[in-house]
Amino acid sequence: MAELAARLRGTAEIAMFVLGPLIVGLISFAALPAMLAAAEPLPLALPLLCLHGVAMSLPVVLLRSRVVPAHVRAWLHPLPVPQGLLVRASSAVAALLAAPLALAYAASLAIWLYQRPDWLLPARAAAGTVLSFLLTWACATALLVQGAGLPARARSTPQEAAADTHPATPRAGGFYFWHRLFWLPLWRSSSAGLRQCALLAATVGAAALWMMGPQSLPRVAGAIVTSIVLVVLAYEADQALRTQLARVRLPAAAWPIDDAALARRARAMTLLTMAPAPAALTAIGAAAGAWHGTAGHLYLALAWGVPPVLTLTPPFTARGRMALVAFAIVLLCAFGSKLWD
């Protein structure tokens, strides 16, 4: 996985520049089979969607030997790995393998919903695509669990059973560590917290002027300013989180805590702290009646989707990350400028 990611990282920028239009055209067909199946009557649609979901998980069979090589399986067999832990680990790896497929489905679905052909049923198309992807994820998880091939865990001895019934040592909760390691440094050692508050206020103010400002104010200018400030807020919060994670990772390795779980909680809390910006934008736009058309729906989806995309994607490269930010701003500006047409 690391070798494949390193190769893709070095060629992605050139490939996107040269083959960008062709790649976009191919991505638009990613969710087409699921949407066509969802348009059929329900007794026929469900088997077709299940067949599509299972078929899309078959490439995991080819990747399984690379994800879980033979020497790794031999190393795992003597270990007392619980079945639940194996399933969770396989589910996480399957999610990583299926993440590009999910992004392709989302882009394809957005393109077809924007085009809105006569045969397309929007609600059923979205539900069918999600159902197919979830089935692909579940089948990929099952294939990885089967590929691990771990033997059944032996019955525990009376001493182990007594140890299992011993109450766990009390420990501080995840919110405590997040508050101490991520929230307080925003205000004590840097101005990141003040910048994010200023950007949040600027997002709400720009959205209010855009939606409810005087007629003399150009709507396109309001859309551009609101979109830029919203994406910059998400980028600033993500940068502060990644900087603090880099600072905490080294000392946390010596602590009796799960640093991966700590990072997940920190990302979740960062997304929660960013939620007021798109929530205020949604409320202001709803009061102004701006979300009635396709452009409004797509703008809302992008406004809520940009923070998770920036926070959950890997670091990639500095240029690639700035390209992602610029691409999000361009899409938001494009859809926002069409709200009042």
C-alpha atoms as a PDB file:
ATOM      1  CA  MET A   1       0.000   0.000   0.000  1.00  0.00           C
ATOM      2  CA  ALA A   2       2.795   2.447   0.890  1.00  0.00           C
ATOM      3  CA  GLU A   3       4.672   1.641  -2.329  1.00  0.00           C
ATOM      4  CA  LEU A   4       1.535   2.111  -4.416  1.00  0.00           C
ATOM      5  CA  ALA A   5       0.723   5.399  -2.656  1.00  0.00           C
ATOM      6  CA  ALA A   6       4.274   6.685  -3.247  1.00  0.00           C
ATOM      7  CA  ARG A   7       4.067   5.932  -6.952  1.00  0.00           C
ATOM      8  CA  LEU A   8       0.658   7.550  -7.310  1.00  0.00           C
ATOM      9  CA  ARG A   9       1.812  10.605  -5.368  1.00  0.00           C
ATOM     10  CA  GLY A  10       4.626  11.259  -7.800  1.00  0.00           C
ATOM     11  CA  THR A  11       2.534  10.969 -10.969  1.00  0.00           C
ATOM     12  CA  ALA A  12      -0.899  12.226  -9.943  1.00  0.00           C
ATOM     13  CA  GLU A  13      -0.247  15.900 -10.657  1.00  0.00           C
ATOM     14  CA  ILE A  14       1.092  15.250 -14.168  1.00  0.00           C
ATOM     15  CA  ALA A  15      -1.677  12.757 -14.943  1.00  0.00           C
ATOM     16  CA  MET A  16      -4.384  15.166 -13.802  1.00  0.00           C
ATOM     17  CA  PHE A  17      -2.921  17.953 -15.938  1.00  0.00           C
ATOM     18  CA  VAL A  18      -2.569  15.872 -19.103  1.00  0.00           C
ATOM     19  CA  LEU A  19      -5.488  13.471 -18.791  1.00  0.00           C
ATOM     20  CA  GLY A  20      -7.842  15.611 -16.700  1.00  0.00           C
ATOM     21  CA  PRO A  21     -10.747  15.896 -19.206  1.00  0.00           C
ATOM     22  CA  LEU A  22     -10.537  12.217 -20.121  1.00  0.00           C
ATOM     23  CA  ILE A  23     -10.468  11.169 -16.469  1.00  0.00           C
ATOM     24  CA  VAL A  24     -13.502  13.348 -15.682  1.00  0.00           C
ATOM     25  CA  GLY A  25     -15.375  11.770 -18.600  1.00  0.00           C
ATOM     26  CA  LEU A  26     -14.565   8.263 -17.389  1.00  0.00           C
ATOM     27  CA  ILE A  27     -15.462   9.091 -13.786  1.00  0.00           C
ATOM     28  CA  SER A  28     -18.906  10.260 -14.905  1.00  0.00           C
ATOM     29  CA  PHE A  29     -19.720   6.647 -15.854  1.00  0.00           C
ATOM     30  CA  ALA A  30     -18.636   5.161 -12.505  1.00  0.00           C
ATOM     31  CA  ALA A  31     -22.081   5.164 -10.876  1.00  0.00           C
ATOM     32  CA  LEU A  32     -24.047   4.730 -14.116  1.00  0.00           C
ATOM     33  CA  PRO A  33     -24.701   0.951 -13.708  1.00  0.00           C
ATOM     34  CA  ALA A  34     -26.048   1.443 -10.186  1.00  0.00           C
ATOM     35  CA  MET A  35     -28.252   4.358 -11.280  1.00  0.00           C
ATOM     36  CA  LEU A  36     -29.600   2.397 -14.251  1.00  0.00           C
ATOM     37  CA  ALA A  37     -30.365  -0.552 -11.983  1.00  0.00           C
ATOM     38  CA  ALA A  38     -32.093   1.716  -9.459  1.00  0.00           C
ATOM     39  CA  ALA A  39     -34.341   3.074 -12.231  1.00  0.00           C
ATOM     40  CA  GLU A  40     -35.814  -0.408 -12.811  1.00  0.00           C
ATOM     41  CA  PRO A  41     -38.826  -1.736 -10.872  1.00  0.00           C
ATOM     42  CA  LEU A  42     -37.952  -2.658  -7.301  1.00  0.00           C
ATOM     43  CA  PRO A  43     -38.103  -6.494  -7.706  1.00  0.00           C
ATOM     44  CA  LEU A  44     -35.535  -6.210 -10.503  1.00  0.00           C
ATOM     45  CA  ALA A  45     -33.542  -3.288  -9.072  1.00  0.00           C
ATOM     46  CA  LEU A  46     -32.524  -4.986  -5.805  1.00  0.00           C
ATOM     47  CA  PRO A  47     -30.930  -8.096  -7.402  1.00  0.00           C
ATOM     48  CA  LEU A  48     -29.144  -5.932  -9.978  1.00  0.00           C
ATOM     49  CA  LEU A  49     -27.759  -3.630  -7.280  1.00  0.00           C
ATOM     50  CA  CYS A  50     -26.614  -6.600  -5.190  1.00  0.00           C
ATOM     51  CA  LEU A  51     -24.939  -8.148  -8.235  1.00  0.00           C
ATOM     52  CA  HIS A  52     -23.210  -4.853  -9.016  1.00  0.00           C
ATOM     53  CA  GLY A  53     -22.020  -4.395  -5.433  1.00  0.00           C
ATOM     54  CA  VAL A  54     -20.576  -7.921  -5.289  1.00  0.00           C
ATOM     55  CA  ALA A  55     -18.911  -7.558  -8.701  1.00  0.00           C
ATOM     56  CA  MET A  56     -17.197  -4.308  -7.693  1.00  0.00           C
ATOM     57  CA  SER A  57     -15.596  -6.075  -4.716  1.00  0.00           C
ATOM     58  CA  LEU A  58     -13.908  -8.755  -6.850  1.00  0.00           C
ATOM     59  CA  PRO A  59     -10.712  -6.701  -7.450  1.00  0.00           C
ATOM     60  CA  VAL A  60     -10.010  -7.147  -3.730  1.00  0.00           C
ATOM     61  CA  VAL A  61      -9.325 -10.816  -4.510  1.00  0.00           C
ATOM     62  CA  LEU A  62      -6.376  -9.711  -6.664  1.00  0.00           C
ATOM     63  CA  LEU A  63      -5.154  -7.187  -4.084  1.00  0.00           C
ATOM     64  CA  ARG A  64      -5.553  -9.532  -1.125  1.00  0.00           C
ATOM     65  CA  SER A  65      -2.176 -11.198  -1.615  1.00  0.00           C
ATOM     66  CA  ARG A  66      -0.512  -7.755  -1.533  1.00  0.00           C
ATOM     67  CA  VAL A  67      -2.464  -6.494   1.471  1.00  0.00           C
ATOM     68  CA  VAL A  68      -2.042  -9.703   3.505  1.00  0.00           C
ATOM     69  CA  PRO A  69       1.045 -11.509   2.127  1.00  0.00           C
ATOM     70  CA  ALA A  70       1.776 -15.134   2.970  1.00  0.00           C
ATOM     71  CA  HIS A  71       4.573 -14.307   5.417  1.00  0.00           C
ATOM     72  CA  VAL A  72       2.247 -11.907   7.270  1.00  0.00           C
ATOM     73  CA  ARG A  73      -0.409 -14.623   7.588  1.00  0.00           C
ATOM     74  CA  ALA A  74       2.214 -17.008   8.955  1.00  0.00           C
ATOM     75  CA  TRP A  75       3.278 -14.348  11.458  1.00  0.00           C
ATOM     76  CA  LEU A  76      -0.320 -13.680  12.522  1.00  0.00           C
ATOM     77  CA  HIS A  77      -1.320 -17.294  13.127  1.00  0.00           C
ATOM     78  CA  PRO A  78       0.432 -17.741  16.516  1.00  0.00           C
ATOM     79  CA  LEU A  79      -0.990 -14.469  17.829  1.00  0.00           C
ATOM     80  CA  PRO A  80      -4.231 -14.463  19.875  1.00  0.00           C
ATOM     81  CA  VAL A  81      -5.991 -12.022  17.545  1.00  0.00           C
ATOM     82  CA  PRO A  82      -9.685 -11.683  18.516  1.00  0.00           C
ATOM     83  CA  GLN A  83     -12.174 -12.122  15.690  1.00  0.00           C
ATOM     84  CA  GLY A  84     -13.725  -8.736  16.375  1.00  0.00           C
ATOM     85  CA  LEU A  85     -10.364  -6.988  16.050  1.00  0.00           C
ATOM     86  CA  LEU A  86      -9.698  -8.821  12.784  1.00  0.00           C
ATOM     87  CA  VAL A  87     -13.075  -7.738  11.394  1.00  0.00           C
ATOM     88  CA  ARG A  88     -12.502  -4.105  12.410  1.00  0.00           C
ATOM     89  CA  ALA A  89      -9.030  -4.058  10.885  1.00  0.00           C
ATOM     90  CA  SER A  90     -10.287  -5.671   7.680  1.00  0.00           C
ATOM     91  CA  SER A  91     -13.139  -3.167   7.538  1.00  0.00           C
ATOM     92  CA  ALA A  92     -10.692  -0.261   7.861  1.00  0.00           C
ATOM     93  CA  VAL A  93      -8.432  -1.641   5.124  1.00  0.00           C
ATOM     94  CA  ALA A  94     -11.451  -2.293   2.907  1.00  0.00           C
ATOM     95  CA  ALA A  95     -12.539   1.311   3.449  1.00  0.00           C
ATOM     96  CA  LEU A  96      -9.121   2.535   2.313  1.00  0.00           C
ATOM     97  CA  LEU A  97      -9.273   0.330  -0.780  1.00  0.00           C
ATOM     98  CA  ALA A  98     -12.823   1.425  -1.584  1.00  0.00           C
ATOM     99  CA  ALA A  99     -12.262   5.146  -0.913  1.00  0.00           C
ATOM    100  CA  PRO A 100     -11.341   5.963  -4.562  1.00  0.00           C
ATOM    101  CA  LEU A 101     -14.471   4.118  -5.678  1.00  0.00           C
ATOM    102  CA  ALA A 102     -16.573   6.171  -3.245  1.00  0.00           C
ATOM    103  CA  LEU A 103     -15.103   9.427  -4.580  1.00  0.00           C
ATOM    104  CA  ALA A 104     -15.748   8.295  -8.155  1.00  0.00           C
ATOM    105  CA  TYR A 105     -19.339   7.386  -7.271  1.00  0.00           C
ATOM    106  CA  ALA A 106     -19.889  10.767  -5.609  1.00  0.00           C
ATOM    107  CA  ALA A 107     -18.483  12.692  -8.593  1.00  0.00           C
ATOM    108  CA  SER A 108     -20.448  10.597 -11.090  1.00  0.00           C
ATOM    109  CA  LEU A 109     -23.655  10.978  -9.110  1.00  0.00           C
ATOM    110  CA  ALA A 110     -23.187  14.756  -8.883  1.00  0.00           C
ATOM    111  CA  ILE A 111     -22.623  14.991 -12.654  1.00  0.00           C
ATOM    112  CA  TRP A 112     -25.713  12.969 -13.536  1.00  0.00           C
ATOM    113  CA  LEU A 113     -27.892  14.767 -10.993  1.00  0.00           C
ATOM    114  CA  TYR A 114     -26.797  18.052 -12.521  1.00  0.00           C
ATOM    115  CA  GLN A 115     -27.579  16.836 -16.046  1.00  0.00           C
ATOM    116  CA  ARG A 116     -30.894  15.284 -14.891  1.00  0.00           C
ATOM    117  CA  PRO A 117     -31.791  13.035 -17.884  1.00  0.00           C
ATOM    118  CA  ASP A 118     -35.385  11.857 -18.263  1.00  0.00           C
ATOM    119  CA  TRP A 119     -34.745   8.310 -17.070  1.00  0.00           C
ATOM    120  CA  LEU A 120     -32.998   9.401 -13.849  1.00  0.00           C
ATOM    121  CA  LEU A 121     -34.875   9.142 -10.557  1.00  0.00           C
ATOM    122  CA  PRO A 122     -32.701  11.239  -8.217  1.00  0.00           C
ATOM    123  CA  ALA A 123     -33.695   9.734  -4.871  1.00  0.00           C
ATOM    124  CA  ARG A 124     -33.559   6.139  -6.098  1.00  0.00           C
ATOM    125  CA  ALA A 125     -30.301   6.772  -7.981  1.00  0.00           C
ATOM    126  CA  ALA A 126     -28.588   8.102  -4.856  1.00  0.00           C
ATOM    127  CA  ALA A 127     -29.987   5.317  -2.662  1.00  0.00           C
ATOM    128  CA  GLY A 128     -29.012   2.631  -5.174  1.00  0.00           C
ATOM    129  CA  THR A 129     -25.468   3.972  -5.480  1.00  0.00           C
ATOM    130  CA  VAL A 130     -25.049   4.070  -1.698  1.00  0.00           C
ATOM    131  CA  LEU A 131     -26.487   0.550  -1.343  1.00  0.00           C
ATOM    132  CA  SER A 132     -24.146  -0.814  -4.004  1.00  0.00           C
ATOM    133  CA  PHE A 133     -21.107   0.816  -2.376  1.00  0.00           C
ATOM    134  CA  LEU A 134     -22.001  -0.451   1.111  1.00  0.00           C
ATOM    135  CA  LEU A 135     -22.384  -3.962  -0.265  1.00  0.00           C
ATOM    136  CA  THR A 136     -19.002  -3.641  -2.025  1.00  0.00           C
ATOM    137  CA  TRP A 137     -17.428  -2.527   1.244  1.00  0.00           C
ATOM    138  CA  ALA A 138     -19.003  -5.423   3.168  1.00  0.00           C
ATOM    139  CA  CYS A 139     -17.890  -7.985   0.579  1.00  0.00           C
ATOM    140  CA  ALA A 140     -14.362  -6.533   0.524  1.00  0.00           C
ATOM    141  CA  THR A 141     -14.224  -6.812   4.318  1.00  0.00           C
ATOM    142  CA  ALA A 142     -15.362 -10.442   4.173  1.00  0.00           C
ATOM    143  CA  LEU A 143     -12.737 -11.235   1.527  1.00  0.00           C
ATOM    144  CA  LEU A 144      -9.968  -9.685   3.618  1.00  0.00           C
ATOM    145  CA  VAL A 145     -11.095 -11.569   6.734  1.00  0.00           C
ATOM    146  CA  GLN A 146     -11.089 -14.795   4.746  1.00  0.00           C
ATOM    147  CA  GLY A 147      -7.686 -13.955   3.284  1.00  0.00           C
ATOM    148  CA  ALA A 148      -6.170 -13.533   6.734  1.00  0.00           C
ATOM    149  CA  GLY A 149      -7.070 -17.160   7.421  1.00  0.00           C
ATOM    150  CA  LEU A 150      -6.561 -16.963  11.185  1.00  0.00           C
ATOM    151  CA  PRO A 151      -7.351 -20.113  13.164  1.00  0.00           C
ATOM    152  CA  ALA A 152     -10.026 -20.096  15.820  1.00  0.00           C
ATOM    153  CA  ARG A 153      -8.841 -18.795  19.163  1.00  0.00           C
ATOM    154  CA  ALA A 154      -8.258 -21.468  21.762  1.00  0.00           C
ATOM    155  CA  ARG A 155     -10.368 -21.514  24.900  1.00  0.00           C
ATOM    156  CA  SER A 156      -8.932 -19.389  27.664  1.00  0.00           C
ATOM    157  CA  THR A 157      -7.508 -20.908  30.829  1.00  0.00           C
ATOM    158  CA  PRO A 158      -9.142 -20.272  34.219  1.00  0.00           C
ATOM    159  CA  GLN A 159      -6.380 -17.752  35.024  1.00  0.00           C
ATOM    160  CA  GLU A 160      -7.064 -15.839  31.779  1.00  0.00           C
ATOM    161  CA  ALA A 161     -10.803 -15.928  32.453  1.00  0.00           C
ATOM    162  CA  ALA A 162     -10.229 -14.474  35.923  1.00  0.00           C
ATOM    163  CA  ALA A 163      -8.013 -11.760  34.439  1.00  0.00           C
ATOM    164  CA  ASP A 164     -10.703 -10.901  31.905  1.00  0.00           C
ATOM    165  CA  THR A 165     -13.232 -10.328  34.681  1.00  0.00           C
ATOM    166  CA  HIS A 166     -10.903  -7.897  36.497  1.00  0.00           C
ATOM    167  CA  PRO A 167     -12.236  -4.357  36.180  1.00  0.00           C
ATOM    168  CA  ALA A 168     -10.334  -2.126  33.792  1.00  0.00           C
ATOM    169  CA  THR A 169      -8.136   0.607  35.172  1.00  0.00           C
ATOM    170  CA  PRO A 170      -9.954   3.958  35.090  1.00  0.00           C
ATOM    171  CA  ARG A 171      -8.601   6.340  32.501  1.00  0.00           C
ATOM    172  CA  ALA A 172      -9.343   9.801  31.205  1.00  0.00           C
ATOM    173  CA  GLY A 173     -11.778  10.026  28.337  1.00  0.00           C
ATOM    174  CA  GLY A 174     -11.075  11.052  24.766  1.00  0.00           C
ATOM    175  CA  PHE A 175     -12.602  14.494  25.292  1.00  0.00           C
ATOM    176  CA  TYR A 176     -10.110  15.175  28.086  1.00  0.00           C
ATOM    177  CA  PHE A 177      -7.104  14.470  25.845  1.00  0.00           C
ATOM    178  CA  TRP A 178      -8.573  16.471  22.969  1.00  0.00           C
ATOM    179  CA  HIS A 179      -9.237  19.425  25.250  1.00  0.00           C
ATOM    180  CA  ARG A 180      -5.739  19.358  26.718  1.00  0.00           C
ATOM    181  CA  LEU A 181      -3.732  18.501  23.609  1.00  0.00           C
ATOM    182  CA  PHE A 182      -5.654  20.201  20.803  1.00  0.00           C
ATOM    183  CA  TRP A 183      -8.166  22.772  22.045  1.00  0.00           C
ATOM    184  CA  LEU A 184      -6.087  24.654  24.618  1.00  0.00           C
ATOM    185  CA  PRO A 185      -3.008  25.028  22.342  1.00  0.00           C
ATOM    186  CA  LEU A 186      -5.225  26.857  19.822  1.00  0.00           C
ATOM    187  CA  TRP A 187      -5.552  29.710  22.310  1.00  0.00           C
ATOM    188  CA  ARG A 188      -2.386  29.534  24.403  1.00  0.00           C
ATOM    189  CA  SER A 189       0.576  29.069  22.079  1.00  0.00           C
ATOM    190  CA  SER A 190      -0.679  30.490  18.775  1.00  0.00           C
ATOM    191  CA  SER A 191      -3.296  32.716  17.192  1.00  0.00           C
ATOM    192  CA  ALA A 192      -4.922  29.827  15.304  1.00  0.00           C
ATOM    193  CA  GLY A 193      -8.032  29.952  17.458  1.00  0.00           C
ATOM    194  CA  LEU A 194      -8.512  33.679  16.904  1.00  0.00           C
ATOM    195  CA  ARG A 195      -7.999  33.270  13.147  1.00  0.00           C
ATOM    196  CA  GLN A 196     -10.596  30.527  12.972  1.00  0.00           C
ATOM    197  CA  CYS A 197     -13.088  32.622  14.964  1.00  0.00           C
ATOM    198  CA  ALA A 198     -12.478  35.562  12.630  1.00  0.00           C
ATOM    199  CA  LEU A 199     -12.949  33.347   9.574  1.00  0.00           C
ATOM    200  CA  LEU A 200     -16.154  31.909  11.046  1.00  0.00           C
ATOM    201  CA  ALA A 201     -17.535  35.393  11.637  1.00  0.00           C
ATOM    202  CA  ALA A 202     -16.454  36.431   8.138  1.00  0.00           C
ATOM    203  CA  THR A 203     -18.216  33.398   6.642  1.00  0.00           C
ATOM    204  CA  VAL A 204     -21.472  34.205   8.424  1.00  0.00           C
ATOM    205  CA  GLY A 205     -21.243  37.898   7.510  1.00  0.00           C
ATOM    206  CA  ALA A 206     -20.423  37.190   3.853  1.00  0.00           C
ATOM    207  CA  ALA A 207     -23.280  34.698   3.629  1.00  0.00           C
ATOM    208  CA  ALA A 208     -25.712  37.223   5.127  1.00  0.00           C
ATOM    209  CA  LEU A 209     -24.635  39.923   2.667  1.00  0.00           C
ATOM    210  CA  TRP A 210     -24.812  37.448  -0.217  1.00  0.00           C
ATOM    211  CA  MET A 211     -28.272  36.117   0.605  1.00  0.00           C
ATOM    212  CA  MET A 212     -29.972  39.110   2.213  1.00  0.00           C
ATOM    213  CA  GLY A 213     -27.886  42.102   1.117  1.00  0.00           C
ATOM    214  CA  PRO A 214     -29.119  45.017  -0.966  1.00  0.00           C
ATOM    215  CA  GLN A 215     -29.902  44.523  -4.641  1.00  0.00           C
ATOM    216  CA  SER A 216     -27.031  46.817  -5.571  1.00  0.00           C
ATOM    217  CA  LEU A 217     -24.561  44.231  -4.244  1.00  0.00           C
ATOM    218  CA  PRO A 218     -23.625  41.808  -7.059  1.00  0.00           C
ATOM    219  CA  ARG A 219     -24.738  38.295  -6.174  1.00  0.00           C
ATOM    220  CA  VAL A 220     -21.758  36.764  -7.942  1.00  0.00           C
ATOM    221  CA  ALA A 221     -19.351  38.740  -5.772  1.00  0.00           C
ATOM    222  CA  GLY A 222     -21.136  37.532  -2.654  1.00  0.00           C
ATOM    223  CA  ALA A 223     -20.907  33.932  -3.849  1.00  0.00           C
ATOM    224  CA  ILE A 224     -17.185  34.257  -4.542  1.00  0.00           C
ATOM    225  CA  VAL A 225     -16.353  35.872  -1.192  1.00  0.00           C
ATOM    226  CA  THR A 226     -18.466  33.407   0.802  1.00  0.00           C
ATOM    227  CA  SER A 227     -16.995  30.405  -0.997  1.00  0.00           C
ATOM    228  CA  ILE A 228     -13.411  31.568  -0.538  1.00  0.00           C
ATOM    229  CA  VAL A 229     -13.819  32.352   3.165  1.00  0.00           C
ATOM    230  CA  LEU A 230     -15.604  29.036   3.813  1.00  0.00           C
ATOM    231  CA  VAL A 231     -12.852  26.965   2.173  1.00  0.00           C
ATOM    232  CA  VAL A 232     -10.098  29.017   3.843  1.00  0.00           C
ATOM    233  CA  LEU A 233     -11.747  28.365   7.221  1.00  0.00           C
ATOM    234  CA  ALA A 234     -11.724  24.609   6.561  1.00  0.00           C
ATOM    235  CA  TYR A 235      -8.117  24.757   5.356  1.00  0.00           C
ATOM    236  CA  GLU A 236      -6.988  26.801   8.376  1.00  0.00           C
ATOM    237  CA  ALA A 237      -8.637  24.407  10.843  1.00  0.00           C
ATOM    238  CA  ASP A 238      -7.147  21.422   9.052  1.00  0.00           C
ATOM    239  CA  GLN A 239      -3.664  22.955   9.039  1.00  0.00           C
ATOM    240  CA  ALA A 240      -3.863  23.688  12.771  1.00  0.00           C
ATOM    241  CA  LEU A 241      -4.972  20.119  13.427  1.00  0.00           C
ATOM    242  CA  ARG A 242      -2.180  18.565  11.336  1.00  0.00           C
ATOM    243  CA  THR A 243       0.451  20.795  12.961  1.00  0.00           C
ATOM    244  CA  GLN A 244      -0.671  19.837  16.448  1.00  0.00           C
ATOM    245  CA  LEU A 245      -0.876  16.147  15.504  1.00  0.00           C
ATOM    246  CA  ALA A 246       2.740  16.294  14.346  1.00  0.00           C
ATOM    247  CA  ARG A 247       3.751  17.850  17.660  1.00  0.00           C
ATOM    248  CA  VAL A 248       1.826  15.367  19.786  1.00  0.00           C
ATOM    249  CA  ARG A 249       2.680  12.174  17.865  1.00  0.00           C
ATOM    250  CA  LEU A 250       6.214  11.748  19.191  1.00  0.00           C
ATOM    251  CA  PRO A 251       5.519  12.167  22.941  1.00  0.00           C
ATOM    252  CA  ALA A 252       2.216  10.271  22.617  1.00  0.00           C
ATOM    253  CA  ALA A 253       4.119   7.193  21.413  1.00  0.00           C
ATOM    254  CA  ALA A 254       5.479   6.782  24.949  1.00  0.00           C
ATOM    255  CA  TRP A 255       2.097   7.252  26.651  1.00  0.00           C
ATOM    256  CA  PRO A 256      -0.305   4.402  27.471  1.00  0.00           C
ATOM    257  CA  ILE A 257      -2.899   5.688  24.984  1.00  0.00           C
ATOM    258  CA  ASP A 258      -3.947   4.765  21.473  1.00  0.00           C
ATOM    259  CA  ASP A 259      -2.488   7.571  19.371  1.00  0.00           C
ATOM    260  CA  ALA A 260      -4.512   6.506  16.315  1.00  0.00           C
ATOM    261  CA  ALA A 261      -7.757   6.768  18.295  1.00  0.00           C
ATOM    262  CA  LEU A 262      -6.592  10.114  19.648  1.00  0.00           C
ATOM    263  CA  ALA A 263      -6.046  11.369  16.085  1.00  0.00           C
ATOM    264  CA  ARG A 264      -9.490  10.132  15.030  1.00  0.00           C
ATOM    265  CA  ARG A 265     -11.147  11.919  17.946  1.00  0.00           C
ATOM    266  CA  ALA A 266      -9.205  15.087  17.167  1.00  0.00           C
ATOM    267  CA  ARG A 267     -10.372  15.007  13.540  1.00  0.00           C
ATOM    268  CA  ALA A 268     -13.963  14.372  14.602  1.00  0.00           C
ATOM    269  CA  MET A 269     -13.899  17.270  17.071  1.00  0.00           C
ATOM    270  CA  THR A 270     -12.315  19.535  14.453  1.00  0.00           C
ATOM    271  CA  LEU A 271     -15.132  18.730  12.051  1.00  0.00           C
ATOM    272  CA  LEU A 272     -17.612  19.430  14.826  1.00  0.00           C
ATOM    273  CA  THR A 273     -16.064  22.833  15.521  1.00  0.00           C
ATOM    274  CA  MET A 274     -16.221  23.663  11.785  1.00  0.00           C
ATOM    275  CA  ALA A 275     -19.897  22.679  11.516  1.00  0.00           C
ATOM    276  CA  PRO A 276     -21.317  26.102  12.598  1.00  0.00           C
ATOM    277  CA  ALA A 277     -20.039  27.719   9.378  1.00  0.00           C
ATOM    278  CA  PRO A 278     -21.969  25.528   6.876  1.00  0.00           C
ATOM    279  CA  ALA A 279     -24.869  25.337   9.341  1.00  0.00           C
ATOM    280  CA  ALA A 280     -25.172  29.134   9.435  1.00  0.00           C
ATOM    281  CA  LEU A 281     -24.832  29.273   5.653  1.00  0.00           C
ATOM    282  CA  THR A 282     -27.598  26.678   5.301  1.00  0.00           C
ATOM    283  CA  ALA A 283     -29.918  28.542   7.664  1.00  0.00           C
ATOM    284  CA  ILE A 284     -29.332  31.932   6.020  1.00  0.00           C
ATOM    285  CA  GLY A 285     -29.838  30.470   2.546  1.00  0.00           C
ATOM    286  CA  ALA A 286     -33.009  28.686   3.625  1.00  0.00           C
ATOM    287  CA  ALA A 287     -34.404  31.935   4.995  1.00  0.00           C
ATOM    288  CA  ALA A 288     -33.635  33.621   1.677  1.00  0.00           C
ATOM    289  CA  GLY A 289     -35.050  30.728  -0.386  1.00  0.00           C
ATOM    290  CA  ALA A 290     -31.752  30.031  -2.150  1.00  0.00           C
ATOM    291  CA  TRP A 291     -31.634  26.230  -2.004  1.00  0.00           C
ATOM    292  CA  HIS A 292     -34.582  25.367  -4.229  1.00  0.00           C
ATOM    293  CA  GLY A 293     -32.733  24.433  -7.453  1.00  0.00           C
ATOM    294  CA  THR A 294     -30.101  21.915  -8.496  1.00  0.00           C
ATOM    295  CA  ALA A 295     -27.308  24.471  -8.156  1.00  0.00           C
ATOM    296  CA  GLY A 296     -28.412  25.191  -4.582  1.00  0.00           C
ATOM    297  CA  HIS A 297     -28.438  21.500  -3.664  1.00  0.00           C
ATOM    298  CA  LEU A 298     -24.975  20.975  -5.134  1.00  0.00           C
ATOM    299  CA  TYR A 299     -23.629  24.077  -3.391  1.00  0.00           C
ATOM    300  CA  LEU A 300     -24.944  22.830  -0.046  1.00  0.00           C
ATOM    301  CA  ALA A 301     -23.439  19.391  -0.616  1.00  0.00           C
ATOM    302  CA  LEU A 302     -20.056  20.929  -1.417  1.00  0.00           C
ATOM    303  CA  ALA A 303     -20.216  23.354   1.516  1.00  0.00           C
ATOM    304  CA  TRP A 304     -20.788  20.461   3.928  1.00  0.00           C
ATOM    305  CA  GLY A 305     -18.379  18.133   2.113  1.00  0.00           C
ATOM    306  CA  VAL A 306     -15.286  20.336   1.845  1.00  0.00           C
ATOM    307  CA  PRO A 307     -14.309  20.199   5.578  1.00  0.00           C
ATOM    308  CA  PRO A 308     -14.418  16.361   5.772  1.00  0.00           C
ATOM    309  CA  VAL A 309     -12.528  16.027   2.488  1.00  0.00           C
ATOM    310  CA  LEU A 310      -9.744  18.355   3.633  1.00  0.00           C
ATOM    311  CA  THR A 311      -9.563  16.823   7.110  1.00  0.00           C
ATOM    312  CA  LEU A 312      -9.716  13.133   6.182  1.00  0.00           C
ATOM    313  CA  THR A 313      -7.548  13.045   3.062  1.00  0.00           C
ATOM    314  CA  PRO A 314      -3.846  12.143   3.472  1.00  0.00           C
ATOM    315  CA  PRO A 315      -1.241  14.935   3.264  1.00  0.00           C
ATOM    316  CA  PHE A 316      -0.356  14.131  -0.393  1.00  0.00           C
ATOM    317  CA  THR A 317       1.946  17.019  -1.462  1.00  0.00           C
ATOM    318  CA  ALA A 318       1.864  20.749  -0.756  1.00  0.00           C
ATOM    319  CA  ARG A 319       0.973  21.535  -4.371  1.00  0.00           C
ATOM    320  CA  GLY A 320      -1.602  18.797  -4.499  1.00  0.00           C
ATOM    321  CA  ARG A 321      -3.243  20.062  -1.307  1.00  0.00           C
ATOM    322  CA  MET A 322      -3.375  23.625  -2.617  1.00  0.00           C
ATOM    323  CA  ALA A 323      -4.816  22.279  -5.881  1.00  0.00           C
ATOM    324  CA  LEU A 324      -7.554  20.555  -3.873  1.00  0.00           C
ATOM    325  CA  VAL A 325      -8.333  23.807  -2.057  1.00  0.00           C
ATOM    326  CA  ALA A 326      -8.400  25.750  -5.325  1.00  0.00           C
ATOM    327  CA  PHE A 327     -10.618  23.124  -6.959  1.00  0.00           C
ATOM    328  CA  ALA A 328     -13.095  23.317  -4.062  1.00  0.00           C
ATOM    329  CA  ILE A 329     -13.193  27.126  -4.308  1.00  0.00           C
ATOM    330  CA  VAL A 330     -13.773  26.995  -8.073  1.00  0.00           C
ATOM    331  CA  LEU A 331     -16.624  24.501  -7.731  1.00  0.00           C
ATOM    332  CA  LEU A 332     -18.302  26.485  -4.947  1.00  0.00           C
ATOM    333  CA  CYS A 333     -17.979  29.743  -6.886  1.00  0.00           C
ATOM    334  CA  ALA A 334     -19.379  28.109 -10.024  1.00  0.00           C
ATOM    335  CA  PHE A 335     -22.451  26.690  -8.320  1.00  0.00           C
ATOM    336  CA  GLY A 336     -22.932  29.735  -6.079  1.00  0.00           C
ATOM    337  CA  SER A 337     -23.012  32.093  -9.054  1.00  0.00           C
ATOM    338  CA  LYS A 338     -25.918  30.115 -10.524  1.00  0.00           C
ATOM    339  CA  LEU A 339     -28.202  30.327  -7.496  1.00  0.00           C
ATOM    340  CA  TRP A 340     -29.997  33.484  -8.583  1.00  0.00           C
ATOM    341  CA  ASP A 341     -30.186  32.788 -12.327  1.00  0.00           C
END
